[in-house]
Amino acid sequence: MKIVIRPQHIISLGGYIVETDFPYRNVIVVNPTEEPIKLEVPVFHEEWIEEQRQLGLEIIPLTEKDNYLSNFRKAKARLDKLKSEKGIKAE
């Protein structure tokens, strides 16, 4: 299955992770580009992270020890700054 992440948008893939061999409990995905990008989900393996980075996405994998909300807010702030620099209204 594929999902589309809109341009200059951020999502969380916690519900799309198959935990059998994947070491992360959640993944924050940021699309800093001006184009929509398709993601292959569910996530089964670590190679997925590098595959998505090659598409231009910022991938932030989170373990049990990582604070989801803190990481999401930091990524959102970076994305909002990028939007501001490009003259795009932040959501």
Protein backbone atom coordinates (compact mmCIF):
# COMPACT_ATOMS: atom_id res chain seq x y z
CA MET A 1 0.00 0.00 0.00
CA LYS A 2 1.16 3.54 -0.62
CA ILE A 3 0.31 6.81 1.08
CA VAL A 4 1.15 10.29 -0.12
CA ILE A 5 2.81 12.90 2.06
CA ARG A 6 1.95 16.40 0.90
CA PRO A 7 4.60 19.03 0.15
CA GLN A 8 6.04 20.73 3.27
CA HIS A 9 4.07 18.40 5.54
CA ILE A 10 4.87 16.15 8.52
CA ILE A 11 3.32 12.82 9.51
CA SER A 12 3.88 10.00 11.98
CA LEU A 13 3.90 6.35 10.89
CA GLY A 14 3.40 4.63 14.26
CA GLY A 15 0.35 2.70 13.03
CA TYR A 16 2.12 1.56 9.86
CA ILE A 17 5.05 -0.20 11.52
CA VAL A 18 5.20 -3.99 11.58
CA GLU A 19 7.23 -4.66 14.71
CA THR A 20 8.55 -8.14 13.99
CA ASP A 21 12.08 -7.04 13.03
CA PHE A 22 11.80 -3.25 12.97
CA PRO A 23 13.68 -1.73 15.95
CA TYR A 24 11.70 1.54 16.13
CA ARG A 25 8.29 2.15 17.69
CA ASN A 26 7.50 5.17 15.55
CA VAL A 27 8.87 7.13 12.60
CA ILE A 28 8.34 10.82 11.96
CA VAL A 29 8.40 11.68 8.26
CA VAL A 30 8.94 15.24 7.01
CA ASN A 31 8.52 16.22 3.38
CA PRO A 32 10.51 19.46 2.99
CA THR A 33 10.15 19.38 -0.80
CA GLU A 34 7.60 21.17 -2.94
CA GLU A 35 6.33 17.90 -4.43
CA PRO A 36 4.06 15.21 -2.96
CA ILE A 37 5.96 11.96 -2.31
CA LYS A 38 4.53 8.43 -2.13
CA LEU A 39 5.56 6.21 0.78
CA GLU A 40 5.40 2.44 0.78
CA VAL A 41 3.67 1.24 3.97
CA PRO A 42 3.60 -0.71 6.20
CA VAL A 43 7.22 -0.46 7.31
CA PHE A 44 8.91 -3.86 7.70
CA HIS A 45 12.68 -3.27 7.66
CA GLU A 46 15.37 -0.70 8.43
CA GLU A 47 16.32 -0.34 4.76
CA TRP A 48 13.01 1.47 4.31
CA ILE A 49 14.48 4.47 6.17
CA GLU A 50 17.34 4.95 3.70
CA GLU A 51 15.03 4.36 0.72
CA GLN A 52 12.78 7.21 1.86
CA ARG A 53 15.72 9.52 2.59
CA GLN A 54 16.85 9.03 -1.01
CA LEU A 55 13.47 10.44 -2.08
CA GLY A 56 14.27 13.67 -0.23
CA LEU A 57 12.32 12.98 2.96
CA GLU A 58 13.60 13.66 6.46
CA ILE A 59 13.13 10.47 8.49
CA ILE A 60 13.28 10.51 12.30
CA PRO A 61 13.13 6.98 13.76
CA LEU A 62 12.08 6.77 17.42
CA THR A 63 12.89 4.06 19.94
CA GLU A 64 11.07 3.34 23.21
CA LYS A 65 13.48 5.74 24.97
CA ASP A 66 12.82 8.69 22.63
CA ASN A 67 10.24 11.34 23.43
CA TYR A 68 7.78 11.38 20.53
CA LEU A 69 6.19 14.75 21.25
CA SER A 70 9.51 16.53 21.70
CA ASN A 71 10.91 15.12 18.46
CA PHE A 72 7.70 15.90 16.56
CA ARG A 73 7.68 19.50 17.79
CA LYS A 74 11.36 19.99 16.83
CA ALA A 75 10.73 18.60 13.33
CA LYS A 76 7.60 20.75 12.98
CA ALA A 77 9.53 23.86 14.05
CA ARG A 78 12.23 23.16 11.42
CA LEU A 79 9.55 22.63 8.78
CA ASP A 80 7.74 25.84 9.79
CA LYS A 81 11.03 27.76 9.57
CA LEU A 82 11.63 26.34 6.08
CA LYS A 83 8.09 27.35 5.05
CA SER A 84 8.63 30.84 6.45
CA GLU A 85 11.86 31.21 4.48
CA LYS A 86 10.01 30.20 1.31
CA GLY A 87 7.10 32.53 2.06
CA ILE A 88 4.61 29.72 2.68
CA LYS A 89 2.07 30.17 5.48
CA ALA A 90 2.70 27.69 8.33
CA GLU A 91 -0.26 25.57 9.45
